[in-house]
Amino acid sequence: MAVKGWIEVSDMYCKGCELCISACPQNVLSLDMSRLTHKGYHPAYIHKDGCTGCAICAVICPDAAITVYREVIKPLHPGI
């Protein structure tokens, strides 16, 4: 089964420390240099497809700024 994931990063808590970026095994995270949070940080975001929802980014985040979502895509024919 293919697994697709995505994250939401809280602008209130993300301080752009980049720990999630270094920890991501899929290399799909980066800092959003096009915007700043209200605290003046560039927040993390998914810059390309490939997130599996492994949640390593959320575990490593010292500020609990990341919420991870995971969707299991079931095959059309059971047993395949």
PDB file of N, CA and C in Angstrom:
ATOM      1  N   MET A   1       0.828  -1.184   0.000  1.00  0.00           N
ATOM      2  CA  MET A   1       0.000   0.000   0.000  1.00  0.00           C
ATOM      3  C   MET A   1       0.874   1.250   0.000  1.00  0.00           C
ATOM      4  N   ALA A   2       0.530   2.163  -0.840  1.00  0.00           N
ATOM      5  CA  ALA A   2       1.233   3.442  -0.869  1.00  0.00           C
ATOM      6  C   ALA A   2       0.781   4.286   0.317  1.00  0.00           C
ATOM      7  N   VAL A   3       1.703   5.027   0.871  1.00  0.00           N
ATOM      8  CA  VAL A   3       1.390   5.879   2.009  1.00  0.00           C
ATOM      9  C   VAL A   3       1.693   7.320   1.629  1.00  0.00           C
ATOM     10  N   LYS A   4       0.748   8.201   1.918  1.00  0.00           N
ATOM     11  CA  LYS A   4       0.948   9.613   1.647  1.00  0.00           C
ATOM     12  C   LYS A   4       0.782  10.365   2.954  1.00  0.00           C
ATOM     13  N   GLY A   5       1.662  11.303   3.188  1.00  0.00           N
ATOM     14  CA  GLY A   5       1.561  12.098   4.400  1.00  0.00           C
ATOM     15  C   GLY A   5       1.686  13.573   4.092  1.00  0.00           C
ATOM     16  N   TRP A   6       1.355  14.371   5.072  1.00  0.00           N
ATOM     17  CA  TRP A   6       1.543  15.811   4.972  1.00  0.00           C
ATOM     18  C   TRP A   6       1.628  16.365   6.376  1.00  0.00           C
ATOM     19  N   ILE A   7       2.118  17.569   6.484  1.00  0.00           N
ATOM     20  CA  ILE A   7       2.268  18.184   7.794  1.00  0.00           C
ATOM     21  C   ILE A   7       1.620  19.563   7.809  1.00  0.00           C
ATOM     22  N   GLU A   8       1.318  20.005   9.007  1.00  0.00           N
ATOM     23  CA  GLU A   8       0.931  21.396   9.240  1.00  0.00           C
ATOM     24  C   GLU A   8       1.921  21.936  10.251  1.00  0.00           C
ATOM     25  N   VAL A   9       2.478  23.101   9.955  1.00  0.00           N
ATOM     26  CA  VAL A   9       3.439  23.731  10.845  1.00  0.00           C
ATOM     27  C   VAL A   9       2.776  24.954  11.469  1.00  0.00           C
ATOM     28  N   SER A  10       2.804  25.022  12.775  1.00  0.00           N
ATOM     29  CA  SER A  10       2.206  26.141  13.485  1.00  0.00           C
ATOM     30  C   SER A  10       3.129  27.353  13.440  1.00  0.00           C
ATOM     31  N   ASP A  11       2.647  28.429  12.842  1.00  0.00           N
ATOM     32  CA  ASP A  11       3.432  29.667  12.809  1.00  0.00           C
ATOM     33  C   ASP A  11       3.670  30.219  14.217  1.00  0.00           C
ATOM     34  N   MET A  12       2.799  29.868  15.132  1.00  0.00           N
ATOM     35  CA  MET A  12       2.934  30.370  16.495  1.00  0.00           C
ATOM     36  C   MET A  12       4.151  29.753  17.209  1.00  0.00           C
ATOM     37  N   TYR A  13       4.486  28.501  16.847  1.00  0.00           N
ATOM     38  CA  TYR A  13       5.547  27.799  17.563  1.00  0.00           C
ATOM     39  C   TYR A  13       6.836  27.588  16.767  1.00  0.00           C
ATOM     40  N   CYS A  14       6.752  27.512  15.435  1.00  0.00           N
ATOM     41  CA  CYS A  14       7.952  27.249  14.629  1.00  0.00           C
ATOM     42  C   CYS A  14       8.917  28.423  14.689  1.00  0.00           C
ATOM     43  N   LYS A  15      10.171  28.126  15.019  1.00  0.00           N
ATOM     44  CA  LYS A  15      11.188  29.172  15.078  1.00  0.00           C
ATOM     45  C   LYS A  15      12.275  28.972  14.015  1.00  0.00           C
ATOM     46  N   GLY A  16      11.988  28.118  13.038  1.00  0.00           N
ATOM     47  CA  GLY A  16      12.904  27.943  11.916  1.00  0.00           C
ATOM     48  C   GLY A  16      14.247  27.342  12.285  1.00  0.00           C
ATOM     49  N   CYS A  17      14.273  26.448  13.269  1.00  0.00           N
ATOM     50  CA  CYS A  17      15.542  25.885  13.749  1.00  0.00           C
ATOM     51  C   CYS A  17      16.152  24.873  12.774  1.00  0.00           C
ATOM     52  N   GLU A  18      15.366  24.361  11.839  1.00  0.00           N
ATOM     53  CA  GLU A  18      15.782  23.433  10.799  1.00  0.00           C
ATOM     54  C   GLU A  18      16.057  22.012  11.269  1.00  0.00           C
ATOM     55  N   LEU A  19      15.755  21.680  12.512  1.00  0.00           N
ATOM     56  CA  LEU A  19      15.958  20.301  12.968  1.00  0.00           C
ATOM     57  C   LEU A  19      15.089  19.328  12.179  1.00  0.00           C
ATOM     58  N   CYS A  20      13.865  19.721  11.882  1.00  0.00           N
ATOM     59  CA  CYS A  20      12.971  18.854  11.109  1.00  0.00           C
ATOM     60  C   CYS A  20      13.505  18.626   9.697  1.00  0.00           C
ATOM     61  N   ILE A  21      14.097  19.650   9.135  1.00  0.00           N
ATOM     62  CA  ILE A  21      14.644  19.557   7.778  1.00  0.00           C
ATOM     63  C   ILE A  21      15.779  18.546   7.731  1.00  0.00           C
ATOM     64  N   SER A  22      16.682  18.602   8.721  1.00  0.00           N
ATOM     65  CA  SER A  22      17.801  17.654   8.756  1.00  0.00           C
ATOM     66  C   SER A  22      17.344  16.235   9.046  1.00  0.00           C
ATOM     67  N   ALA A  23      16.256  16.081   9.807  1.00  0.00           N
ATOM     68  CA  ALA A  23      15.802  14.756  10.215  1.00  0.00           C
ATOM     69  C   ALA A  23      14.925  14.066   9.176  1.00  0.00           C
ATOM     70  N   CYS A  24      14.373  14.800   8.236  1.00  0.00           N
ATOM     71  CA  CYS A  24      13.426  14.233   7.269  1.00  0.00           C
ATOM     72  C   CYS A  24      14.115  13.228   6.340  1.00  0.00           C
ATOM     73  N   PRO A  25      13.736  11.939   6.412  1.00  0.00           N
ATOM     74  CA  PRO A  25      14.375  10.940   5.548  1.00  0.00           C
ATOM     75  C   PRO A  25      13.981  11.077   4.075  1.00  0.00           C
ATOM     76  N   GLN A  26      12.879  11.772   3.797  1.00  0.00           N
ATOM     77  CA  GLN A  26      12.424  11.956   2.414  1.00  0.00           C
ATOM     78  C   GLN A  26      12.980  13.227   1.779  1.00  0.00           C
ATOM     79  N   ASN A  27      13.625  14.068   2.582  1.00  0.00           N
ATOM     80  CA  ASN A  27      14.183  15.348   2.109  1.00  0.00           C
ATOM     81  C   ASN A  27      13.141  16.213   1.399  1.00  0.00           C
ATOM     82  N   VAL A  28      11.978  16.347   2.034  1.00  0.00           N
ATOM     83  CA  VAL A  28      10.901  17.133   1.426  1.00  0.00           C
ATOM     84  C   VAL A  28      10.617  18.433   2.183  1.00  0.00           C
ATOM     85  N   LEU A  29      11.360  18.709   3.240  1.00  0.00           N
ATOM     86  CA  LEU A  29      11.124  19.914   4.034  1.00  0.00           C
ATOM     87  C   LEU A  29      12.190  20.968   3.782  1.00  0.00           C
ATOM     88  N   SER A  30      11.784  22.208   3.873  1.00  0.00           N
ATOM     89  CA  SER A  30      12.722  23.331   3.816  1.00  0.00           C
ATOM     90  C   SER A  30      12.062  24.513   4.510  1.00  0.00           C
ATOM     91  N   LEU A  31      12.809  25.595   4.659  1.00  0.00           N
ATOM     92  CA  LEU A  31      12.245  26.807   5.234  1.00  0.00           C
ATOM     93  C   LEU A  31      11.583  27.616   4.130  1.00  0.00           C
ATOM     94  N   ASP A  32      10.452  28.199   4.457  1.00  0.00           N
ATOM     95  CA  ASP A  32       9.735  29.040   3.504  1.00  0.00           C
ATOM     96  C   ASP A  32      10.334  30.444   3.571  1.00  0.00           C
ATOM     97  N   MET A  33      11.286  30.708   2.699  1.00  0.00           N
ATOM     98  CA  MET A  33      11.999  31.988   2.708  1.00  0.00           C
ATOM     99  C   MET A  33      11.151  33.129   2.142  1.00  0.00           C
ATOM    100  N   SER A  34       9.968  32.802   1.633  1.00  0.00           N
ATOM    101  CA  SER A  34       9.107  33.842   1.055  1.00  0.00           C
ATOM    102  C   SER A  34       8.202  34.502   2.091  1.00  0.00           C
ATOM    103  N   ARG A  35       8.222  33.981   3.321  1.00  0.00           N
ATOM    104  CA  ARG A  35       7.368  34.594   4.335  1.00  0.00           C
ATOM    105  C   ARG A  35       7.974  34.462   5.725  1.00  0.00           C
ATOM    106  N   LEU A  36       7.477  35.289   6.623  1.00  0.00           N
ATOM    107  CA  LEU A  36       7.904  35.286   8.020  1.00  0.00           C
ATOM    108  C   LEU A  36       6.689  35.065   8.915  1.00  0.00           C
ATOM    109  N   THR A  37       6.911  34.405  10.039  1.00  0.00           N
ATOM    110  CA  THR A  37       5.844  34.279  11.028  1.00  0.00           C
ATOM    111  C   THR A  37       5.723  35.606  11.762  1.00  0.00           C
ATOM    112  N   HIS A  38       4.723  35.737  12.610  1.00  0.00           N
ATOM    113  CA  HIS A  38       4.563  36.984  13.362  1.00  0.00           C
ATOM    114  C   HIS A  38       5.703  37.200  14.361  1.00  0.00           C
ATOM    115  N   LYS A  39       6.468  36.146  14.637  1.00  0.00           N
ATOM    116  CA  LYS A  39       7.636  36.277  15.517  1.00  0.00           C
ATOM    117  C   LYS A  39       8.919  36.566  14.730  1.00  0.00           C
ATOM    118  N   GLY A  40       8.815  36.591  13.400  1.00  0.00           N
ATOM    119  CA  GLY A  40       9.960  36.938  12.557  1.00  0.00           C
ATOM    120  C   GLY A  40      10.800  35.777  12.071  1.00  0.00           C
ATOM    121  N   TYR A  41      10.255  34.559  12.100  1.00  0.00           N
ATOM    122  CA  TYR A  41      10.992  33.377  11.644  1.00  0.00           C
ATOM    123  C   TYR A  41      10.455  32.888  10.298  1.00  0.00           C
ATOM    124  N   HIS A  42      11.332  32.257   9.517  1.00  0.00           N
ATOM    125  CA  HIS A  42      10.902  31.560   8.308  1.00  0.00           C
ATOM    126  C   HIS A  42      10.446  30.170   8.744  1.00  0.00           C
ATOM    127  N   PRO A  43       9.184  29.813   8.539  1.00  0.00           N
ATOM    128  CA  PRO A  43       8.694  28.513   9.006  1.00  0.00           C
ATOM    129  C   PRO A  43       9.049  27.373   8.050  1.00  0.00           C
ATOM    130  N   ALA A  44       9.037  26.171   8.575  1.00  0.00           N
ATOM    131  CA  ALA A  44       9.265  24.983   7.757  1.00  0.00           C
ATOM    132  C   ALA A  44       8.008  24.690   6.940  1.00  0.00           C
ATOM    133  N   TYR A  45       8.205  24.019   5.822  1.00  0.00           N
ATOM    134  CA  TYR A  45       7.076  23.583   4.992  1.00  0.00           C
ATOM    135  C   TYR A  45       7.528  22.460   4.077  1.00  0.00           C
ATOM    136  N   ILE A  46       6.575  21.758   3.469  1.00  0.00           N
ATOM    137  CA  ILE A  46       6.893  20.703   2.497  1.00  0.00           C
ATOM    138  C   ILE A  46       7.062  21.368   1.144  1.00  0.00           C
ATOM    139  N   HIS A  47       8.247  21.228   0.558  1.00  0.00           N
ATOM    140  CA  HIS A  47       8.505  21.894  -0.721  1.00  0.00           C
ATOM    141  C   HIS A  47       8.332  20.985  -1.933  1.00  0.00           C
ATOM    142  N   LYS A  48       8.121  19.677  -1.712  1.00  0.00           N
ATOM    143  CA  LYS A  48       7.877  18.767  -2.835  1.00  0.00           C
ATOM    144  C   LYS A  48       7.122  17.543  -2.334  1.00  0.00           C
ATOM    145  N   ASP A  49       6.540  16.788  -3.245  1.00  0.00           N
ATOM    146  CA  ASP A  49       5.822  15.562  -2.900  1.00  0.00           C
ATOM    147  C   ASP A  49       6.799  14.520  -2.370  1.00  0.00           C
ATOM    148  N   GLY A  50       6.284  13.617  -1.586  1.00  0.00           N
ATOM    149  CA  GLY A  50       7.108  12.514  -1.099  1.00  0.00           C
ATOM    150  C   GLY A  50       7.004  12.273   0.391  1.00  0.00           C
ATOM    151  N   CYS A  51       6.271  13.131   1.095  1.00  0.00           N
ATOM    152  CA  CYS A  51       6.088  12.938   2.535  1.00  0.00           C
ATOM    153  C   CYS A  51       5.309  11.642   2.760  1.00  0.00           C
ATOM    154  N   THR A  52       5.791  10.803   3.685  1.00  0.00           N
ATOM    155  CA  THR A  52       5.118   9.548   3.999  1.00  0.00           C
ATOM    156  C   THR A  52       4.398   9.602   5.339  1.00  0.00           C
ATOM    157  N   GLY A  53       4.492  10.720   6.022  1.00  0.00           N
ATOM    158  CA  GLY A  53       3.847  10.834   7.323  1.00  0.00           C
ATOM    159  C   GLY A  53       4.564  10.052   8.405  1.00  0.00           C
ATOM    160  N   CYS A  54       5.864   9.896   8.280  1.00  0.00           N
ATOM    161  CA  CYS A  54       6.640   9.095   9.239  1.00  0.00           C
ATOM    162  C   CYS A  54       6.693   9.739  10.626  1.00  0.00           C
ATOM    163  N   ALA A  55       6.490  11.037  10.701  1.00  0.00           N
ATOM    164  CA  ALA A  55       6.432  11.812  11.950  1.00  0.00           C
ATOM    165  C   ALA A  55       7.772  12.040  12.623  1.00  0.00           C
ATOM    166  N   ILE A  56       8.863  11.757  11.958  1.00  0.00           N
ATOM    167  CA  ILE A  56      10.175  12.041  12.542  1.00  0.00           C
ATOM    168  C   ILE A  56      10.327  13.537  12.772  1.00  0.00           C
ATOM    169  N   CYS A  57       9.827  14.333  11.863  1.00  0.00           N
ATOM    170  CA  CYS A  57       9.913  15.787  12.016  1.00  0.00           C
ATOM    171  C   CYS A  57       9.196  16.262  13.272  1.00  0.00           C
ATOM    172  N   ALA A  58       8.033  15.701  13.542  1.00  0.00           N
ATOM    173  CA  ALA A  58       7.262  16.098  14.723  1.00  0.00           C
ATOM    174  C   ALA A  58       7.944  15.663  16.010  1.00  0.00           C
ATOM    175  N   VAL A  59       8.564  14.497  15.982  1.00  0.00           N
ATOM    176  CA  VAL A  59       9.255  13.990  17.173  1.00  0.00           C
ATOM    177  C   VAL A  59      10.483  14.837  17.484  1.00  0.00           C
ATOM    178  N   ILE A  60      11.215  15.259  16.466  1.00  0.00           N
ATOM    179  CA  ILE A  60      12.459  16.011  16.668  1.00  0.00           C
ATOM    180  C   ILE A  60      12.201  17.486  16.985  1.00  0.00           C
ATOM    181  N   CYS A  61      11.021  18.003  16.659  1.00  0.00           N
ATOM    182  CA  CYS A  61      10.720  19.426  16.848  1.00  0.00           C
ATOM    183  C   CYS A  61      10.689  19.780  18.339  1.00  0.00           C
ATOM    184  N   PRO A  62      11.590  20.662  18.784  1.00  0.00           N
ATOM    185  CA  PRO A  62      11.644  20.997  20.209  1.00  0.00           C
ATOM    186  C   PRO A  62      10.472  21.856  20.676  1.00  0.00           C
ATOM    187  N   ASP A  63       9.719  22.413  19.746  1.00  0.00           N
ATOM    188  CA  ASP A  63       8.618  23.306  20.102  1.00  0.00           C
ATOM    189  C   ASP A  63       7.242  22.736  19.798  1.00  0.00           C
ATOM    190  N   ALA A  64       7.180  21.465  19.423  1.00  0.00           N
ATOM    191  CA  ALA A  64       5.914  20.800  19.093  1.00  0.00           C
ATOM    192  C   ALA A  64       5.110  21.610  18.080  1.00  0.00           C
ATOM    193  N   ALA A  65       5.794  22.117  17.058  1.00  0.00           N
ATOM    194  CA  ALA A  65       5.157  22.975  16.058  1.00  0.00           C
ATOM    195  C   ALA A  65       4.569  22.211  14.881  1.00  0.00           C
ATOM    196  N   ILE A  66       4.814  20.900  14.813  1.00  0.00           N
ATOM    197  CA  ILE A  66       4.424  20.134  13.626  1.00  0.00           C
ATOM    198  C   ILE A  66       3.363  19.100  13.965  1.00  0.00           C
ATOM    199  N   THR A  67       2.300  19.104  13.171  1.00  0.00           N
ATOM    200  CA  THR A  67       1.270  18.080  13.248  1.00  0.00           C
ATOM    201  C   THR A  67       1.365  17.263  11.972  1.00  0.00           C
ATOM    202  N   VAL A  68       1.398  15.948  12.108  1.00  0.00           N
ATOM    203  CA  VAL A  68       1.573  15.054  10.961  1.00  0.00           C
ATOM    204  C   VAL A  68       0.271  14.324  10.667  1.00  0.00           C
ATOM    205  N   TYR A  69      -0.027  14.223   9.382  1.00  0.00           N
ATOM    206  CA  TYR A  69      -1.200  13.490   8.925  1.00  0.00           C
ATOM    207  C   TYR A  69      -0.731  12.399   7.981  1.00  0.00           C
ATOM    208  N   ARG A  70      -1.419  11.257   8.030  1.00  0.00           N
ATOM    209  CA  ARG A  70      -1.017  10.126   7.202  1.00  0.00           C
ATOM    210  C   ARG A  70      -2.255   9.468   6.612  1.00  0.00           C
ATOM    211  N   GLU A  71      -2.186   9.173   5.340  1.00  0.00           N
ATOM    212  CA  GLU A  71      -3.287   8.530   4.643  1.00  0.00           C
ATOM    213  C   GLU A  71      -2.765   7.261   3.991  1.00  0.00           C
ATOM    214  N   VAL A  72      -3.427   6.156   4.273  1.00  0.00           N
ATOM    215  CA  VAL A  72      -3.070   4.896   3.629  1.00  0.00           C
ATOM    216  C   VAL A  72      -3.983   4.741   2.422  1.00  0.00           C
ATOM    217  N   ILE A  73      -3.379   4.604   1.261  1.00  0.00           N
ATOM    218  CA  ILE A  73      -4.137   4.462   0.026  1.00  0.00           C
ATOM    219  C   ILE A  73      -4.296   2.971  -0.255  1.00  0.00           C
ATOM    220  N   LYS A  74      -5.531   2.506  -0.193  1.00  0.00           N
ATOM    221  CA  LYS A  74      -5.804   1.082  -0.362  1.00  0.00           C
ATOM    222  C   LYS A  74      -5.851   0.737  -1.847  1.00  0.00           C
ATOM    223  N   PRO A  75      -5.366  -0.447  -2.223  1.00  0.00           N
ATOM    224  CA  PRO A  75      -5.436  -0.860  -3.624  1.00  0.00           C
ATOM    225  C   PRO A  75      -6.896  -1.084  -4.059  1.00  0.00           C
ATOM    226  N   LEU A  76      -7.140  -0.956  -5.335  1.00  0.00           N
ATOM    227  CA  LEU A  76      -8.488  -1.134  -5.872  1.00  0.00           C
ATOM    228  C   LEU A  76      -8.979  -2.568  -5.710  1.00  0.00           C
ATOM    229  N   HIS A  77      -8.067  -3.513  -5.770  1.00  0.00           N
ATOM    230  CA  HIS A  77      -8.437  -4.928  -5.664  1.00  0.00           C
ATOM    231  C   HIS A  77      -7.824  -5.512  -4.396  1.00  0.00           C
ATOM    232  N   PRO A  78      -8.645  -5.864  -3.412  1.00  0.00           N
ATOM    233  CA  PRO A  78      -8.112  -6.440  -2.185  1.00  0.00           C
ATOM    234  C   PRO A  78      -7.278  -7.677  -2.456  1.00  0.00           C
ATOM    235  N   GLY A  79      -6.216  -7.838  -1.698  1.00  0.00           N
ATOM    236  CA  GLY A  79      -5.353  -8.986  -1.859  1.00  0.00           C
ATOM    237  C   GLY A  79      -4.201  -8.767  -2.822  1.00  0.00           C
ATOM    238  N   ILE A  80      -4.136  -7.586  -3.407  1.00  0.00           N
ATOM    239  CA  ILE A  80      -3.065  -7.313  -4.369  1.00  0.00           C
ATOM    240  C   ILE A  80      -1.966  -6.576  -3.657  1.00  0.00           C
TER     241      ILE A  80
END
